[in-house]
Amino acid sequence: MARLRYLPNVVTLALDDEKCVGCGMCALVCPHAVFAVENGQTRIVDRDACMECGACAQNCPAEALSVRAGVGCAAAVLSRRLRGAGPAC
């Protein structure tokens, strides 16, 4: 299956490197492998794969992540599903 993509460079996801403790929780809960943890530091490896579900930010113990959940691909997918249409992304 092809990886889901939204529009390039519009995702609201942001990582504050100063706050990040490198726990890897974001990488664990992200359904689209947006994050990688290397040398005790998290980094965003595929921002445009983010569907803005908010799982990373909700599970980050250091509050190093922010995302406006539901404004991007996730909202489009849910909206179309509720109308009985196929995925939008």
N, C-alpha and C. Protein backbone atom coordinates (compact mmCIF):
# COMPACT_ATOMS: atom_id res chain seq x y z
N MET A 1 0.84 -1.18 0.00
CA MET A 1 0.00 0.00 0.00
C MET A 1 0.89 1.24 0.00
N ALA A 2 0.54 2.21 -0.80
CA ALA A 2 1.30 3.45 -0.86
C ALA A 2 1.11 4.24 0.44
N ARG A 3 2.14 4.97 0.81
CA ARG A 3 2.04 5.80 2.01
C ARG A 3 1.09 6.96 1.77
N LEU A 4 0.27 7.25 2.77
CA LEU A 4 -0.64 8.39 2.66
C LEU A 4 0.16 9.68 2.67
N ARG A 5 -0.25 10.62 1.84
CA ARG A 5 0.39 11.93 1.77
C ARG A 5 -0.70 12.99 1.85
N TYR A 6 -0.38 14.09 2.44
CA TYR A 6 -1.29 15.22 2.45
C TYR A 6 -0.70 16.24 1.48
N LEU A 7 -0.94 17.49 1.66
CA LEU A 7 -0.33 18.50 0.82
C LEU A 7 1.06 18.81 1.36
N PRO A 8 2.05 18.95 0.51
CA PRO A 8 3.41 19.21 0.99
C PRO A 8 3.52 20.53 1.76
N ASN A 9 4.27 20.48 2.85
CA ASN A 9 4.64 21.67 3.63
C ASN A 9 3.47 22.43 4.25
N VAL A 10 2.39 21.74 4.63
CA VAL A 10 1.27 22.42 5.28
C VAL A 10 0.96 21.85 6.66
N VAL A 11 1.63 20.81 7.06
CA VAL A 11 1.35 20.15 8.34
C VAL A 11 1.71 21.09 9.49
N THR A 12 0.89 21.08 10.54
CA THR A 12 1.10 21.97 11.68
C THR A 12 2.04 21.39 12.74
N LEU A 13 2.56 20.21 12.51
CA LEU A 13 3.43 19.53 13.46
C LEU A 13 4.71 20.32 13.72
N ALA A 14 5.06 20.48 15.01
CA ALA A 14 6.30 21.16 15.39
C ALA A 14 6.94 20.43 16.56
N LEU A 15 8.26 20.35 16.54
CA LEU A 15 9.04 19.71 17.59
C LEU A 15 9.97 20.74 18.20
N ASP A 16 9.92 20.89 19.52
CA ASP A 16 10.81 21.78 20.24
C ASP A 16 12.00 20.96 20.73
N ASP A 17 13.12 21.07 20.04
CA ASP A 17 14.31 20.28 20.37
C ASP A 17 14.80 20.52 21.80
N GLU A 18 14.60 21.72 22.31
CA GLU A 18 15.05 22.06 23.66
C GLU A 18 14.28 21.28 24.73
N LYS A 19 13.01 21.01 24.49
CA LYS A 19 12.19 20.30 25.47
C LYS A 19 12.29 18.79 25.34
N CYS A 20 12.63 18.30 24.16
CA CYS A 20 12.63 16.86 23.89
C CYS A 20 13.61 16.12 24.80
N VAL A 21 13.12 15.02 25.40
CA VAL A 21 13.96 14.19 26.26
C VAL A 21 14.38 12.88 25.57
N GLY A 22 13.94 12.71 24.32
CA GLY A 22 14.33 11.53 23.55
C GLY A 22 13.73 10.22 24.02
N CYS A 23 12.57 10.26 24.63
CA CYS A 23 11.96 9.04 25.17
C CYS A 23 11.44 8.11 24.08
N GLY A 24 11.13 8.65 22.91
CA GLY A 24 10.66 7.83 21.80
C GLY A 24 9.18 7.52 21.81
N MET A 25 8.43 8.08 22.73
CA MET A 25 7.00 7.81 22.80
C MET A 25 6.31 8.25 21.50
N CYS A 26 6.72 9.38 20.95
CA CYS A 26 6.11 9.87 19.71
C CYS A 26 6.29 8.86 18.57
N ALA A 27 7.49 8.31 18.45
CA ALA A 27 7.77 7.32 17.41
C ALA A 27 6.94 6.06 17.63
N LEU A 28 6.70 5.72 18.88
CA LEU A 28 5.93 4.53 19.21
C LEU A 28 4.45 4.67 18.83
N VAL A 29 3.87 5.83 19.06
CA VAL A 29 2.44 6.01 18.84
C VAL A 29 2.08 6.54 17.45
N CYS A 30 3.05 7.03 16.71
CA CYS A 30 2.77 7.60 15.38
C CYS A 30 2.41 6.50 14.38
N PRO A 31 1.23 6.57 13.76
CA PRO A 31 0.82 5.53 12.82
C PRO A 31 1.50 5.63 11.46
N HIS A 32 2.25 6.70 11.21
CA HIS A 32 2.85 6.90 9.89
C HIS A 32 4.36 7.07 9.91
N ALA A 33 5.02 6.66 10.97
CA ALA A 33 6.49 6.70 11.07
C ALA A 33 7.06 8.08 10.72
N VAL A 34 6.48 9.10 11.30
CA VAL A 34 6.93 10.47 11.07
C VAL A 34 8.22 10.76 11.84
N PHE A 35 8.45 10.03 12.95
CA PHE A 35 9.57 10.31 13.84
C PHE A 35 10.62 9.21 13.84
N ALA A 36 11.84 9.61 14.19
CA ALA A 36 12.92 8.65 14.46
C ALA A 36 13.66 9.16 15.69
N VAL A 37 14.16 8.24 16.49
CA VAL A 37 14.96 8.60 17.65
C VAL A 37 16.38 8.11 17.40
N GLU A 38 17.31 9.04 17.39
CA GLU A 38 18.71 8.73 17.14
C GLU A 38 19.58 9.45 18.15
N ASN A 39 20.48 8.72 18.76
CA ASN A 39 21.39 9.29 19.75
C ASN A 39 20.66 10.05 20.85
N GLY A 40 19.54 9.49 21.31
CA GLY A 40 18.81 10.09 22.41
C GLY A 40 18.04 11.35 22.05
N GLN A 41 17.83 11.60 20.78
CA GLN A 41 17.09 12.79 20.34
C GLN A 41 16.08 12.40 19.27
N THR A 42 14.88 12.91 19.41
CA THR A 42 13.84 12.66 18.41
C THR A 42 14.00 13.67 17.29
N ARG A 43 13.70 13.20 16.07
CA ARG A 43 13.67 14.13 14.94
C ARG A 43 12.51 13.74 14.03
N ILE A 44 12.02 14.71 13.31
CA ILE A 44 10.95 14.48 12.35
C ILE A 44 11.61 14.05 11.05
N VAL A 45 11.25 12.85 10.57
CA VAL A 45 11.88 12.33 9.35
C VAL A 45 10.96 12.39 8.14
N ASP A 46 9.66 12.53 8.34
CA ASP A 46 8.73 12.58 7.21
C ASP A 46 7.51 13.41 7.59
N ARG A 47 7.71 14.71 7.68
CA ARG A 47 6.66 15.63 8.11
C ARG A 47 5.39 15.51 7.25
N ASP A 48 5.53 15.37 5.96
CA ASP A 48 4.37 15.33 5.09
C ASP A 48 3.56 14.05 5.22
N ALA A 49 4.07 13.05 5.94
CA ALA A 49 3.29 11.83 6.21
C ALA A 49 2.38 12.01 7.42
N CYS A 50 2.56 13.09 8.16
CA CYS A 50 1.76 13.35 9.35
C CYS A 50 0.30 13.59 8.97
N MET A 51 -0.61 12.88 9.65
CA MET A 51 -2.04 13.07 9.39
C MET A 51 -2.68 13.92 10.48
N GLU A 52 -1.86 14.51 11.33
CA GLU A 52 -2.29 15.44 12.36
C GLU A 52 -3.32 14.83 13.31
N CYS A 53 -3.09 13.57 13.68
CA CYS A 53 -4.02 12.91 14.62
C CYS A 53 -3.82 13.40 16.05
N GLY A 54 -2.62 13.88 16.36
CA GLY A 54 -2.35 14.42 17.69
C GLY A 54 -1.83 13.41 18.70
N ALA A 55 -1.69 12.15 18.31
CA ALA A 55 -1.23 11.12 19.26
C ALA A 55 0.15 11.44 19.81
N CYS A 56 1.03 11.96 18.99
CA CYS A 56 2.39 12.26 19.45
C CYS A 56 2.38 13.33 20.54
N ALA A 57 1.66 14.41 20.30
CA ALA A 57 1.61 15.51 21.27
C ALA A 57 0.92 15.08 22.56
N GLN A 58 -0.13 14.29 22.45
CA GLN A 58 -0.85 13.84 23.65
C GLN A 58 -0.01 12.90 24.50
N ASN A 59 0.92 12.19 23.90
CA ASN A 59 1.72 11.22 24.63
C ASN A 59 3.13 11.68 24.94
N CYS A 60 3.47 12.91 24.61
CA CYS A 60 4.81 13.43 24.88
C CYS A 60 4.90 13.93 26.33
N PRO A 61 5.69 13.27 27.16
CA PRO A 61 5.77 13.68 28.57
C PRO A 61 6.47 15.02 28.78
N ALA A 62 7.25 15.46 27.79
CA ALA A 62 7.98 16.71 27.92
C ALA A 62 7.28 17.88 27.24
N GLU A 63 6.12 17.61 26.63
CA GLU A 63 5.38 18.64 25.89
C GLU A 63 6.24 19.30 24.83
N ALA A 64 7.06 18.49 24.15
CA ALA A 64 7.97 18.98 23.12
C ALA A 64 7.33 19.03 21.74
N LEU A 65 6.15 18.44 21.61
CA LEU A 65 5.48 18.40 20.32
C LEU A 65 4.19 19.19 20.34
N SER A 66 3.90 19.82 19.23
CA SER A 66 2.61 20.48 19.08
C SER A 66 2.09 20.18 17.68
N VAL A 67 0.79 20.05 17.58
CA VAL A 67 0.12 19.81 16.31
C VAL A 67 -1.34 20.20 16.49
N ARG A 68 -1.90 20.83 15.50
CA ARG A 68 -3.32 21.17 15.56
C ARG A 68 -4.09 19.95 15.06
N ALA A 69 -4.39 19.07 15.98
CA ALA A 69 -5.04 17.80 15.64
C ALA A 69 -6.36 18.01 14.92
N GLY A 70 -6.54 17.22 13.88
CA GLY A 70 -7.79 17.23 13.15
C GLY A 70 -7.93 18.26 12.06
N VAL A 71 -6.91 19.05 11.81
CA VAL A 71 -7.05 20.09 10.79
C VAL A 71 -6.57 19.65 9.43
N GLY A 72 -5.87 18.55 9.33
CA GLY A 72 -5.29 18.14 8.06
C GLY A 72 -5.92 16.90 7.49
N CYS A 73 -5.08 15.98 7.15
CA CYS A 73 -5.50 14.76 6.48
C CYS A 73 -6.50 13.97 7.31
N ALA A 74 -6.29 13.90 8.60
CA ALA A 74 -7.21 13.14 9.45
C ALA A 74 -8.62 13.69 9.35
N ALA A 75 -8.75 14.99 9.37
CA ALA A 75 -10.08 15.59 9.26
C ALA A 75 -10.70 15.30 7.90
N ALA A 76 -9.90 15.34 6.86
CA ALA A 76 -10.42 15.06 5.51
C ALA A 76 -10.89 13.61 5.41
N VAL A 77 -10.09 12.69 5.93
CA VAL A 77 -10.45 11.28 5.87
C VAL A 77 -11.74 11.03 6.65
N LEU A 78 -11.83 11.55 7.86
CA LEU A 78 -13.03 11.35 8.68
C LEU A 78 -14.27 11.98 8.05
N SER A 79 -14.11 13.18 7.53
CA SER A 79 -15.23 13.87 6.92
C SER A 79 -15.78 13.10 5.72
N ARG A 80 -14.89 12.62 4.87
CA ARG A 80 -15.33 11.86 3.70
C ARG A 80 -15.93 10.52 4.11
N ARG A 81 -15.37 9.91 5.16
CA ARG A 81 -15.90 8.62 5.63
C ARG A 81 -17.33 8.80 6.14
N LEU A 82 -17.57 9.89 6.88
CA LEU A 82 -18.89 10.15 7.40
C LEU A 82 -19.92 10.39 6.29
N ARG A 83 -19.44 10.91 5.18
CA ARG A 83 -20.33 11.16 4.02
C ARG A 83 -20.44 9.92 3.14
N GLY A 84 -19.71 8.83 3.47
CA GLY A 84 -19.77 7.61 2.69
C GLY A 84 -18.85 7.60 1.48
N ALA A 85 -17.88 8.49 1.45
CA ALA A 85 -16.92 8.56 0.34
C ALA A 85 -15.61 7.91 0.75
N GLY A 86 -14.73 7.75 -0.19
CA GLY A 86 -13.41 7.16 0.07
C GLY A 86 -12.45 8.16 0.67
N PRO A 87 -11.22 7.72 0.98
CA PRO A 87 -10.22 8.60 1.59
C PRO A 87 -9.90 9.82 0.71
N ALA A 88 -9.55 10.91 1.36
CA ALA A 88 -9.25 12.14 0.65
C ALA A 88 -7.77 12.37 0.47
N CYS A 89 -6.93 11.67 1.17
CA CYS A 89 -5.48 11.92 1.09
C CYS A 89 -4.80 10.99 0.13
